[in-house]
Amino acid sequence: MLYHLDFQVEYADETSQAELFAIWAEEADAALKAKEAGVVVDLWKCVGVRRVIAIVNVPTPDVLDQILLDLPIMQKNGQHVQIQVTPLRRYEDFAADIKARLDKKEK
């Protein structure tokens, strides 16, 4: 299953920018390894804000939840990270479904 993940990353006042960057560097290594492994389809850092968007491909919601809990940024700064998760459907599958429904109604 494909999922669109939208990460909003904040940090506490007592956390320095250098500490956040150290956590984020560890997270970047993990994300790029996951991309090489095919779990992450692609990911982007939004310019000027602490926001990352990823498309991931995992077999079940349970696996996604487990992966998210194990991310370095979640383990070290999780109380300051919001993730919006949207399940995705391939457009080709949607289009085929619509055409099949139309064909069924026309008969």
PDB file of N, CA and C in Angstrom:
ATOM      1  N   MET A   1       0.839  -1.182   0.000  1.00  0.00           N
ATOM      2  CA  MET A   1       0.000   0.000   0.000  1.00  0.00           C
ATOM      3  C   MET A   1       0.881   1.242   0.000  1.00  0.00           C
ATOM      4  N   LEU A   2       0.430   2.229  -0.724  1.00  0.00           N
ATOM      5  CA  LEU A   2       1.140   3.496  -0.769  1.00  0.00           C
ATOM      6  C   LEU A   2       0.531   4.476   0.231  1.00  0.00           C
ATOM      7  N   TYR A   3       1.404   5.246   0.855  1.00  0.00           N
ATOM      8  CA  TYR A   3       0.968   6.270   1.800  1.00  0.00           C
ATOM      9  C   TYR A   3       1.719   7.561   1.531  1.00  0.00           C
ATOM     10  N   HIS A   4       0.993   8.668   1.664  1.00  0.00           N
ATOM     11  CA  HIS A   4       1.588  10.002   1.611  1.00  0.00           C
ATOM     12  C   HIS A   4       1.790  10.423   3.063  1.00  0.00           C
ATOM     13  N   LEU A   5       3.036  10.719   3.430  1.00  0.00           N
ATOM     14  CA  LEU A   5       3.348  11.153   4.788  1.00  0.00           C
ATOM     15  C   LEU A   5       3.789  12.605   4.743  1.00  0.00           C
ATOM     16  N   ASP A   6       3.226  13.404   5.615  1.00  0.00           N
ATOM     17  CA  ASP A   6       3.566  14.820   5.694  1.00  0.00           C
ATOM     18  C   ASP A   6       4.059  15.090   7.113  1.00  0.00           C
ATOM     19  N   PHE A   7       5.378  15.251   7.253  1.00  0.00           N
ATOM     20  CA  PHE A   7       6.013  15.467   8.550  1.00  0.00           C
ATOM     21  C   PHE A   7       6.165  16.960   8.816  1.00  0.00           C
ATOM     22  N   GLN A   8       5.695  17.410   9.959  1.00  0.00           N
ATOM     23  CA  GLN A   8       5.926  18.761  10.446  1.00  0.00           C
ATOM     24  C   GLN A   8       6.830  18.620  11.668  1.00  0.00           C
ATOM     25  N   VAL A   9       8.029  19.156  11.596  1.00  0.00           N
ATOM     26  CA  VAL A   9       9.022  18.965  12.650  1.00  0.00           C
ATOM     27  C   VAL A   9       9.233  20.267  13.416  1.00  0.00           C
ATOM     28  N   GLU A  10       8.988  20.211  14.705  1.00  0.00           N
ATOM     29  CA  GLU A  10       9.258  21.336  15.598  1.00  0.00           C
ATOM     30  C   GLU A  10      10.304  20.874  16.599  1.00  0.00           C
ATOM     31  N   TYR A  11      10.745  21.768  17.449  1.00  0.00           N
ATOM     32  CA  TYR A  11      11.647  21.367  18.524  1.00  0.00           C
ATOM     33  C   TYR A  11      11.466  22.286  19.711  1.00  0.00           C
ATOM     34  N   ALA A  12      11.786  21.757  20.879  1.00  0.00           N
ATOM     35  CA  ALA A  12      11.573  22.497  22.126  1.00  0.00           C
ATOM     36  C   ALA A  12      12.580  23.623  22.263  1.00  0.00           C
ATOM     37  N   ASP A  13      12.219  24.612  23.049  1.00  0.00           N
ATOM     38  CA  ASP A  13      13.100  25.753  23.289  1.00  0.00           C
ATOM     39  C   ASP A  13      14.453  25.325  23.836  1.00  0.00           C
ATOM     40  N   GLU A  14      14.469  24.265  24.646  1.00  0.00           N
ATOM     41  CA  GLU A  14      15.727  23.826  25.241  1.00  0.00           C
ATOM     42  C   GLU A  14      16.600  23.023  24.266  1.00  0.00           C
ATOM     43  N   THR A  15      16.082  22.733  23.087  1.00  0.00           N
ATOM     44  CA  THR A  15      16.850  22.024  22.065  1.00  0.00           C
ATOM     45  C   THR A  15      17.493  23.053  21.133  1.00  0.00           C
ATOM     46  N   SER A  16      18.783  22.934  20.955  1.00  0.00           N
ATOM     47  CA  SER A  16      19.470  23.870  20.055  1.00  0.00           C
ATOM     48  C   SER A  16      19.256  23.445  18.603  1.00  0.00           C
ATOM     49  N   GLN A  17      19.512  24.368  17.707  1.00  0.00           N
ATOM     50  CA  GLN A  17      19.414  24.032  16.290  1.00  0.00           C
ATOM     51  C   GLN A  17      20.423  22.954  15.938  1.00  0.00           C
ATOM     52  N   ALA A  18      21.607  23.004  16.535  1.00  0.00           N
ATOM     53  CA  ALA A  18      22.638  21.988  16.281  1.00  0.00           C
ATOM     54  C   ALA A  18      22.158  20.606  16.718  1.00  0.00           C
ATOM     55  N   GLU A  19      21.469  20.544  17.860  1.00  0.00           N
ATOM     56  CA  GLU A  19      20.923  19.251  18.325  1.00  0.00           C
ATOM     57  C   GLU A  19      19.849  18.745  17.366  1.00  0.00           C
ATOM     58  N   LEU A  20      18.998  19.645  16.895  1.00  0.00           N
ATOM     59  CA  LEU A  20      17.977  19.247  15.923  1.00  0.00           C
ATOM     60  C   LEU A  20      18.636  18.746  14.643  1.00  0.00           C
ATOM     61  N   PHE A  21      19.668  19.449  14.165  1.00  0.00           N
ATOM     62  CA  PHE A  21      20.354  19.033  12.945  1.00  0.00           C
ATOM     63  C   PHE A  21      21.004  17.661  13.108  1.00  0.00           C
ATOM     64  N   ALA A  22      21.535  17.361  14.291  1.00  0.00           N
ATOM     65  CA  ALA A  22      22.143  16.046  14.534  1.00  0.00           C
ATOM     66  C   ALA A  22      21.088  14.945  14.436  1.00  0.00           C
ATOM     67  N   ILE A  23      19.913  15.198  15.016  1.00  0.00           N
ATOM     68  CA  ILE A  23      18.815  14.227  14.919  1.00  0.00           C
ATOM     69  C   ILE A  23      18.376  14.094  13.466  1.00  0.00           C
ATOM     70  N   TRP A  24      18.257  15.226  12.782  1.00  0.00           N
ATOM     71  CA  TRP A  24      17.783  15.222  11.405  1.00  0.00           C
ATOM     72  C   TRP A  24      18.783  14.538  10.476  1.00  0.00           C
ATOM     73  N   ALA A  25      20.070  14.672  10.753  1.00  0.00           N
ATOM     74  CA  ALA A  25      21.090  13.992   9.945  1.00  0.00           C
ATOM     75  C   ALA A  25      20.953  12.478  10.082  1.00  0.00           C
ATOM     76  N   GLU A  26      20.706  12.027  11.298  1.00  0.00           N
ATOM     77  CA  GLU A  26      20.489  10.592  11.518  1.00  0.00           C
ATOM     78  C   GLU A  26      19.224  10.125  10.796  1.00  0.00           C
ATOM     79  N   GLU A  27      18.198  10.942  10.860  1.00  0.00           N
ATOM     80  CA  GLU A  27      16.940  10.631  10.167  1.00  0.00           C
ATOM     81  C   GLU A  27      17.146  10.587   8.656  1.00  0.00           C
ATOM     82  N   ALA A  28      17.921  11.530   8.132  1.00  0.00           N
ATOM     83  CA  ALA A  28      18.187  11.564   6.689  1.00  0.00           C
ATOM     84  C   ALA A  28      18.896  10.287   6.235  1.00  0.00           C
ATOM     85  N   ASP A  29      19.852   9.812   7.017  1.00  0.00           N
ATOM     86  CA  ASP A  29      20.534   8.560   6.677  1.00  0.00           C
ATOM     87  C   ASP A  29      19.541   7.407   6.613  1.00  0.00           C
ATOM     88  N   ALA A  30      18.663   7.323   7.614  1.00  0.00           N
ATOM     89  CA  ALA A  30      17.669   6.252   7.650  1.00  0.00           C
ATOM     90  C   ALA A  30      16.701   6.364   6.466  1.00  0.00           C
ATOM     91  N   ALA A  31      16.281   7.586   6.150  1.00  0.00           N
ATOM     92  CA  ALA A  31      15.330   7.800   5.051  1.00  0.00           C
ATOM     93  C   ALA A  31      15.940   7.414   3.709  1.00  0.00           C
ATOM     94  N   LEU A  32      17.190   7.796   3.498  1.00  0.00           N
ATOM     95  CA  LEU A  32      17.835   7.472   2.216  1.00  0.00           C
ATOM     96  C   LEU A  32      18.106   5.977   2.083  1.00  0.00           C
ATOM     97  N   LYS A  33      18.402   5.300   3.186  1.00  0.00           N
ATOM     98  CA  LYS A  33      18.547   3.831   3.150  1.00  0.00           C
ATOM     99  C   LYS A  33      17.213   3.180   2.830  1.00  0.00           C
ATOM    100  N   ALA A  34      16.134   3.702   3.407  1.00  0.00           N
ATOM    101  CA  ALA A  34      14.796   3.168   3.120  1.00  0.00           C
ATOM    102  C   ALA A  34      14.420   3.412   1.665  1.00  0.00           C
ATOM    103  N   LYS A  35      14.871   4.523   1.107  1.00  0.00           N
ATOM    104  CA  LYS A  35      14.620   4.794  -0.311  1.00  0.00           C
ATOM    105  C   LYS A  35      15.375   3.798  -1.181  1.00  0.00           C
ATOM    106  N   GLU A  36      16.638   3.538  -0.839  1.00  0.00           N
ATOM    107  CA  GLU A  36      17.422   2.535  -1.578  1.00  0.00           C
ATOM    108  C   GLU A  36      16.768   1.158  -1.506  1.00  0.00           C
ATOM    109  N   ALA A  37      16.144   0.841  -0.372  1.00  0.00           N
ATOM    110  CA  ALA A  37      15.500  -0.456  -0.176  1.00  0.00           C
ATOM    111  C   ALA A  37      14.129  -0.531  -0.842  1.00  0.00           C
ATOM    112  N   GLY A  38      13.603   0.605  -1.320  1.00  0.00           N
ATOM    113  CA  GLY A  38      12.311   0.611  -1.998  1.00  0.00           C
ATOM    114  C   GLY A  38      11.120   0.861  -1.092  1.00  0.00           C
ATOM    115  N   VAL A  39      11.335   1.010   0.209  1.00  0.00           N
ATOM    116  CA  VAL A  39      10.225   1.313   1.121  1.00  0.00           C
ATOM    117  C   VAL A  39       9.761   2.748   0.909  1.00  0.00           C
ATOM    118  N   VAL A  40      10.710   3.650   0.778  1.00  0.00           N
ATOM    119  CA  VAL A  40      10.386   5.040   0.458  1.00  0.00           C
ATOM    120  C   VAL A  40      10.439   5.182  -1.059  1.00  0.00           C
ATOM    121  N   VAL A  41       9.316   5.533  -1.650  1.00  0.00           N
ATOM    122  CA  VAL A  41       9.254   5.734  -3.101  1.00  0.00           C
ATOM    123  C   VAL A  41      10.002   7.008  -3.461  1.00  0.00           C
ATOM    124  N   ASP A  42       9.714   8.076  -2.723  1.00  0.00           N
ATOM    125  CA  ASP A  42      10.443   9.332  -2.889  1.00  0.00           C
ATOM    126  C   ASP A  42      10.125  10.220  -1.714  1.00  0.00           C
ATOM    127  N   LEU A  43      10.972  11.236  -1.507  1.00  0.00           N
ATOM    128  CA  LEU A  43      10.738  12.172  -0.429  1.00  0.00           C
ATOM    129  C   LEU A  43      11.303  13.530  -0.787  1.00  0.00           C
ATOM    130  N   TRP A  44      10.717  14.557  -0.168  1.00  0.00           N
ATOM    131  CA  TRP A  44      11.076  15.933  -0.457  1.00  0.00           C
ATOM    132  C   TRP A  44      11.128  16.727   0.840  1.00  0.00           C
ATOM    133  N   LYS A  45      12.035  17.675   0.913  1.00  0.00           N
ATOM    134  CA  LYS A  45      12.096  18.652   2.003  1.00  0.00           C
ATOM    135  C   LYS A  45      11.495  19.942   1.452  1.00  0.00           C
ATOM    136  N   CYS A  46      10.493  20.477   2.129  1.00  0.00           N
ATOM    137  CA  CYS A  46       9.875  21.730   1.713  1.00  0.00           C
ATOM    138  C   CYS A  46      10.799  22.894   2.060  1.00  0.00           C
ATOM    139  N   VAL A  47      10.968  23.782   1.136  1.00  0.00           N
ATOM    140  CA  VAL A  47      11.894  24.903   1.284  1.00  0.00           C
ATOM    141  C   VAL A  47      11.382  25.888   2.339  1.00  0.00           C
ATOM    142  N   GLY A  48      12.279  26.285   3.235  1.00  0.00           N
ATOM    143  CA  GLY A  48      11.984  27.345   4.190  1.00  0.00           C
ATOM    144  C   GLY A  48      11.199  26.941   5.420  1.00  0.00           C
ATOM    145  N   VAL A  49      10.825  25.691   5.520  1.00  0.00           N
ATOM    146  CA  VAL A  49      10.072  25.209   6.682  1.00  0.00           C
ATOM    147  C   VAL A  49      10.611  23.846   7.088  1.00  0.00           C
ATOM    148  N   ARG A  50      10.300  23.430   8.313  1.00  0.00           N
ATOM    149  CA  ARG A  50      10.715  22.107   8.790  1.00  0.00           C
ATOM    150  C   ARG A  50       9.614  21.108   8.453  1.00  0.00           C
ATOM    151  N   ARG A  51       9.523  20.810   7.169  1.00  0.00           N
ATOM    152  CA  ARG A  51       8.476  19.927   6.653  1.00  0.00           C
ATOM    153  C   ARG A  51       9.084  18.998   5.625  1.00  0.00           C
ATOM    154  N   VAL A  52       8.756  17.715   5.748  1.00  0.00           N
ATOM    155  CA  VAL A  52       9.209  16.699   4.801  1.00  0.00           C
ATOM    156  C   VAL A  52       7.992  15.923   4.334  1.00  0.00           C
ATOM    157  N   ILE A  53       7.951  15.660   3.043  1.00  0.00           N
ATOM    158  CA  ILE A  53       6.865  14.878   2.445  1.00  0.00           C
ATOM    159  C   ILE A  53       7.474  13.615   1.865  1.00  0.00           C
ATOM    160  N   ALA A  54       6.841  12.481   2.143  1.00  0.00           N
ATOM    161  CA  ALA A  54       7.336  11.201   1.644  1.00  0.00           C
ATOM    162  C   ALA A  54       6.176  10.372   1.095  1.00  0.00           C
ATOM    163  N   ILE A  55       6.494   9.586   0.098  1.00  0.00           N
ATOM    164  CA  ILE A  55       5.590   8.547  -0.378  1.00  0.00           C
ATOM    165  C   ILE A  55       6.268   7.233  -0.026  1.00  0.00           C
ATOM    166  N   VAL A  56       5.560   6.391   0.718  1.00  0.00           N
ATOM    167  CA  VAL A  56       6.130   5.108   1.125  1.00  0.00           C
ATOM    168  C   VAL A  56       5.261   3.967   0.627  1.00  0.00           C
ATOM    169  N   ASN A  57       5.899   2.816   0.470  1.00  0.00           N
ATOM    170  CA  ASN A  57       5.216   1.621   0.003  1.00  0.00           C
ATOM    171  C   ASN A  57       5.455   0.514   1.019  1.00  0.00           C
ATOM    172  N   VAL A  58       4.422   0.206   1.808  1.00  0.00           N
ATOM    173  CA  VAL A  58       4.510  -0.830   2.828  1.00  0.00           C
ATOM    174  C   VAL A  58       3.294  -1.749   2.705  1.00  0.00           C
ATOM    175  N   PRO A  59       3.410  -2.997   3.175  1.00  0.00           N
ATOM    176  CA  PRO A  59       2.316  -3.947   2.962  1.00  0.00           C
ATOM    177  C   PRO A  59       1.057  -3.692   3.789  1.00  0.00           C
ATOM    178  N   THR A  60       1.205  -3.127   5.002  1.00  0.00           N
ATOM    179  CA  THR A  60       0.033  -2.955   5.867  1.00  0.00           C
ATOM    180  C   THR A  60       0.174  -1.677   6.695  1.00  0.00           C
ATOM    181  N   PRO A  61      -0.942  -1.181   7.231  1.00  0.00           N
ATOM    182  CA  PRO A  61      -0.866  -0.038   8.143  1.00  0.00           C
ATOM    183  C   PRO A  61      -0.056  -0.366   9.396  1.00  0.00           C
ATOM    184  N   ASP A  62      -0.108  -1.613   9.844  1.00  0.00           N
ATOM    185  CA  ASP A  62       0.662  -2.013  11.024  1.00  0.00           C
ATOM    186  C   ASP A  62       2.156  -1.825  10.788  1.00  0.00           C
ATOM    187  N   VAL A  63       2.629  -2.222   9.610  1.00  0.00           N
ATOM    188  CA  VAL A  63       4.051  -2.063   9.288  1.00  0.00           C
ATOM    189  C   VAL A  63       4.416  -0.587   9.251  1.00  0.00           C
ATOM    190  N   LEU A  64       3.557   0.235   8.676  1.00  0.00           N
ATOM    191  CA  LEU A  64       3.819   1.677   8.638  1.00  0.00           C
ATOM    192  C   LEU A  64       3.935   2.235  10.050  1.00  0.00           C
ATOM    193  N   ASP A  65       3.017   1.864  10.912  1.00  0.00           N
ATOM    194  CA  ASP A  65       3.046   2.340  12.289  1.00  0.00           C
ATOM    195  C   ASP A  65       4.340   1.920  12.987  1.00  0.00           C
ATOM    196  N   GLN A  66       4.762   0.689  12.772  1.00  0.00           N
ATOM    197  CA  GLN A  66       6.003   0.196  13.374  1.00  0.00           C
ATOM    198  C   GLN A  66       7.204   0.976  12.859  1.00  0.00           C
ATOM    199  N   ILE A  67       7.247   1.218  11.561  1.00  0.00           N
ATOM    200  CA  ILE A  67       8.348   1.988  10.972  1.00  0.00           C
ATOM    201  C   ILE A  67       8.387   3.392  11.560  1.00  0.00           C
ATOM    202  N   LEU A  68       7.224   4.036  11.637  1.00  0.00           N
ATOM    203  CA  LEU A  68       7.176   5.405  12.159  1.00  0.00           C
ATOM    204  C   LEU A  68       7.670   5.476  13.601  1.00  0.00           C
ATOM    205  N   LEU A  69       7.300   4.494  14.404  1.00  0.00           N
ATOM    206  CA  LEU A  69       7.741   4.490  15.804  1.00  0.00           C
ATOM    207  C   LEU A  69       9.243   4.298  15.942  1.00  0.00           C
ATOM    208  N   ASP A  70       9.865   3.663  14.947  1.00  0.00           N
ATOM    209  CA  ASP A  70      11.299   3.388  15.003  1.00  0.00           C
ATOM    210  C   ASP A  70      12.163   4.475  14.367  1.00  0.00           C
ATOM    211  N   LEU A  71      11.563   5.468  13.729  1.00  0.00           N
ATOM    212  CA  LEU A  71      12.353   6.516  13.090  1.00  0.00           C
ATOM    213  C   LEU A  71      13.171   7.284  14.126  1.00  0.00           C
ATOM    214  N   PRO A  72      14.429   7.597  13.807  1.00  0.00           N
ATOM    215  CA  PRO A  72      15.243   8.365  14.750  1.00  0.00           C
ATOM    216  C   PRO A  72      14.595   9.674  15.192  1.00  0.00           C
ATOM    217  N   ILE A  73      13.962  10.365  14.269  1.00  0.00           N
ATOM    218  CA  ILE A  73      13.357  11.649  14.629  1.00  0.00           C
ATOM    219  C   ILE A  73      12.178  11.457  15.574  1.00  0.00           C
ATOM    220  N   MET A  74      11.498  10.326  15.473  1.00  0.00           N
ATOM    221  CA  MET A  74      10.383  10.041  16.382  1.00  0.00           C
ATOM    222  C   MET A  74      10.897   9.601  17.747  1.00  0.00           C
ATOM    223  N   GLN A  75      11.982   8.833  17.769  1.00  0.00           N
ATOM    224  CA  GLN A  75      12.530   8.365  19.041  1.00  0.00           C
ATOM    225  C   GLN A  75      13.175   9.501  19.825  1.00  0.00           C
ATOM    226  N   LYS A  76      13.771  10.459  19.137  1.00  0.00           N
ATOM    227  CA  LYS A  76      14.538  11.508  19.820  1.00  0.00           C
ATOM    228  C   LYS A  76      13.828  12.855  19.899  1.00  0.00           C
ATOM    229  N   ASN A  77      12.769  13.029  19.089  1.00  0.00           N
ATOM    230  CA  ASN A  77      12.080  14.319  19.064  1.00  0.00           C
ATOM    231  C   ASN A  77      10.589  14.135  18.770  1.00  0.00           C
ATOM    232  N   GLY A  78      10.091  12.928  18.990  1.00  0.00           N
ATOM    233  CA  GLY A  78       8.732  12.568  18.578  1.00  0.00           C
ATOM    234  C   GLY A  78       7.625  13.439  19.126  1.00  0.00           C
ATOM    235  N   GLN A  79       7.813  13.964  20.333  1.00  0.00           N
ATOM    236  CA  GLN A  79       6.772  14.811  20.919  1.00  0.00           C
ATOM    237  C   GLN A  79       6.617  16.129  20.168  1.00  0.00           C
ATOM    238  N   HIS A  80       7.569  16.410  19.263  1.00  0.00           N
ATOM    239  CA  HIS A  80       7.534  17.654  18.492  1.00  0.00           C
ATOM    240  C   HIS A  80       7.378  17.400  16.991  1.00  0.00           C
ATOM    241  N   VAL A  81       6.920  16.197  16.634  1.00  0.00           N
ATOM    242  CA  VAL A  81       6.733  15.843  15.229  1.00  0.00           C
ATOM    243  C   VAL A  81       5.275  15.449  15.018  1.00  0.00           C
ATOM    244  N   GLN A  82       4.654  16.097  14.057  1.00  0.00           N
ATOM    245  CA  GLN A  82       3.299  15.739  13.655  1.00  0.00           C
ATOM    246  C   GLN A  82       3.381  15.093  12.276  1.00  0.00           C
ATOM    247  N   ILE A  83       2.693  13.961  12.112  1.00  0.00           N
ATOM    248  CA  ILE A  83       2.691  13.276  10.818  1.00  0.00           C
ATOM    249  C   ILE A  83       1.248  13.117  10.360  1.00  0.00           C
ATOM    250  N   GLN A  84       0.963  13.658   9.202  1.00  0.00           N
ATOM    251  CA  GLN A  84      -0.343  13.437   8.587  1.00  0.00           C
ATOM    252  C   GLN A  84      -0.166  12.296   7.588  1.00  0.00           C
ATOM    253  N   VAL A  85      -0.971  11.246   7.733  1.00  0.00           N
ATOM    254  CA  VAL A  85      -0.857  10.053   6.899  1.00  0.00           C
ATOM    255  C   VAL A  85      -2.094   9.948   6.019  1.00  0.00           C
ATOM    256  N   THR A  86      -1.863   9.813   4.711  1.00  0.00           N
ATOM    257  CA  THR A  86      -2.960   9.655   3.766  1.00  0.00           C
ATOM    258  C   THR A  86      -2.714   8.410   2.923  1.00  0.00           C
ATOM    259  N   PRO A  87      -3.613   7.404   3.005  1.00  0.00           N
ATOM    260  CA  PRO A  87      -3.471   6.238   2.128  1.00  0.00           C
ATOM    261  C   PRO A  87      -3.713   6.668   0.680  1.00  0.00           C
ATOM    262  N   LEU A  88      -2.960   6.088  -0.217  1.00  0.00           N
ATOM    263  CA  LEU A  88      -3.070   6.445  -1.635  1.00  0.00           C
ATOM    264  C   LEU A  88      -3.517   5.252  -2.463  1.00  0.00           C
ATOM    265  N   ARG A  89      -4.236   5.560  -3.493  1.00  0.00           N
ATOM    266  CA  ARG A  89      -4.661   4.558  -4.460  1.00  0.00           C
ATOM    267  C   ARG A  89      -4.044   4.928  -5.796  1.00  0.00           C
ATOM    268  N   ARG A  90      -3.439   3.956  -6.457  1.00  0.00           N
ATOM    269  CA  ARG A  90      -2.859   4.244  -7.774  1.00  0.00           C
ATOM    270  C   ARG A  90      -3.958   4.763  -8.697  1.00  0.00           C
ATOM    271  N   TYR A  91      -3.659   5.800  -9.438  1.00  0.00           N
ATOM    272  CA  TYR A  91      -4.665   6.400 -10.302  1.00  0.00           C
ATOM    273  C   TYR A  91      -5.106   5.425 -11.398  1.00  0.00           C
ATOM    274  N   GLU A  92      -4.174   4.619 -11.875  1.00  0.00           N
ATOM    275  CA  GLU A  92      -4.519   3.627 -12.909  1.00  0.00           C
ATOM    276  C   GLU A  92      -5.586   2.659 -12.402  1.00  0.00           C
ATOM    277  N   ASP A  93      -5.493   2.267 -11.140  1.00  0.00           N
ATOM    278  CA  ASP A  93      -6.491   1.364 -10.561  1.00  0.00           C
ATOM    279  C   ASP A  93      -7.842   2.065 -10.423  1.00  0.00           C
ATOM    280  N   PHE A  94      -7.807   3.321 -10.002  1.00  0.00           N
ATOM    281  CA  PHE A  94      -9.031   4.113  -9.894  1.00  0.00           C
ATOM    282  C   PHE A  94      -9.697   4.263 -11.264  1.00  0.00           C
ATOM    283  N   ALA A  95      -8.907   4.596 -12.278  1.00  0.00           N
ATOM    284  CA  ALA A  95      -9.441   4.789 -13.625  1.00  0.00           C
ATOM    285  C   ALA A  95     -10.069   3.500 -14.150  1.00  0.00           C
ATOM    286  N   ALA A  96      -9.415   2.372 -13.923  1.00  0.00           N
ATOM    287  CA  ALA A  96      -9.965   1.086 -14.360  1.00  0.00           C
ATOM    288  C   ALA A  96     -11.272   0.788 -13.642  1.00  0.00           C
ATOM    289  N   ASP A  97     -11.340   1.102 -12.360  1.00  0.00           N
ATOM    290  CA  ASP A  97     -12.559   0.892 -11.580  1.00  0.00           C
ATOM    291  C   ASP A  97     -13.699   1.742 -12.124  1.00  0.00           C
ATOM    292  N   ILE A  98     -13.425   3.000 -12.409  1.00  0.00           N
ATOM    293  CA  ILE A  98     -14.457   3.904 -12.936  1.00  0.00           C
ATOM    294  C   ILE A  98     -14.964   3.405 -14.287  1.00  0.00           C
ATOM    295  N   LYS A  99     -14.039   2.991 -15.151  1.00  0.00           N
ATOM    296  CA  LYS A  99     -14.442   2.486 -16.469  1.00  0.00           C
ATOM    297  C   LYS A  99     -15.288   1.231 -16.328  1.00  0.00           C
ATOM    298  N   ALA A 100     -14.914   0.330 -15.417  1.00  0.00           N
ATOM    299  CA  ALA A 100     -15.689  -0.897 -15.205  1.00  0.00           C
ATOM    300  C   ALA A 100     -17.083  -0.572 -14.684  1.00  0.00           C
ATOM    301  N   ARG A 101     -17.178   0.390 -13.795  1.00  0.00           N
ATOM    302  CA  ARG A 101     -18.492   0.792 -13.268  1.00  0.00           C
ATOM    303  C   ARG A 101     -19.359   1.412 -14.364  1.00  0.00           C
ATOM    304  N   LEU A 102     -18.746   2.206 -15.220  1.00  0.00           N
ATOM    305  CA  LEU A 102     -19.476   2.827 -16.320  1.00  0.00           C
ATOM    306  C   LEU A 102     -19.967   1.753 -17.288  1.00  0.00           C
ATOM    307  N   ASP A 103     -19.081   0.816 -17.614  1.00  0.00           N
ATOM    308  CA  ASP A 103     -19.469  -0.270 -18.516  1.00  0.00           C
ATOM    309  C   ASP A 103     -20.611  -1.083 -17.936  1.00  0.00           C
ATOM    310  N   LYS A 104     -20.578  -1.322 -16.637  1.00  0.00           N
ATOM    311  CA  LYS A 104     -21.625  -2.113 -15.975  1.00  0.00           C
ATOM    312  C   LYS A 104     -22.978  -1.393 -16.021  1.00  0.00           C
ATOM    313  N   LYS A 105     -22.982  -0.069 -15.864  1.00  0.00           N
ATOM    314  CA  LYS A 105     -24.215   0.703 -15.894  1.00  0.00           C
ATOM    315  C   LYS A 105     -24.789   0.799 -17.306  1.00  0.00           C
ATOM    316  N   GLU A 106     -23.911   0.783 -18.302  1.00  0.00           N
ATOM    317  CA  GLU A 106     -24.371   0.905 -19.686  1.00  0.00           C
ATOM    318  C   GLU A 106     -24.997  -0.392 -20.201  1.00  0.00           C
ATOM    319  N   LYS A 107     -24.765  -1.494 -19.511  1.00  0.00           N
ATOM    320  CA  LYS A 107     -25.308  -2.790 -19.972  1.00  0.00           C
ATOM    321  C   LYS A 107     -26.696  -3.020 -19.526  1.00  0.00           C
TER     322      LYS A 107
END
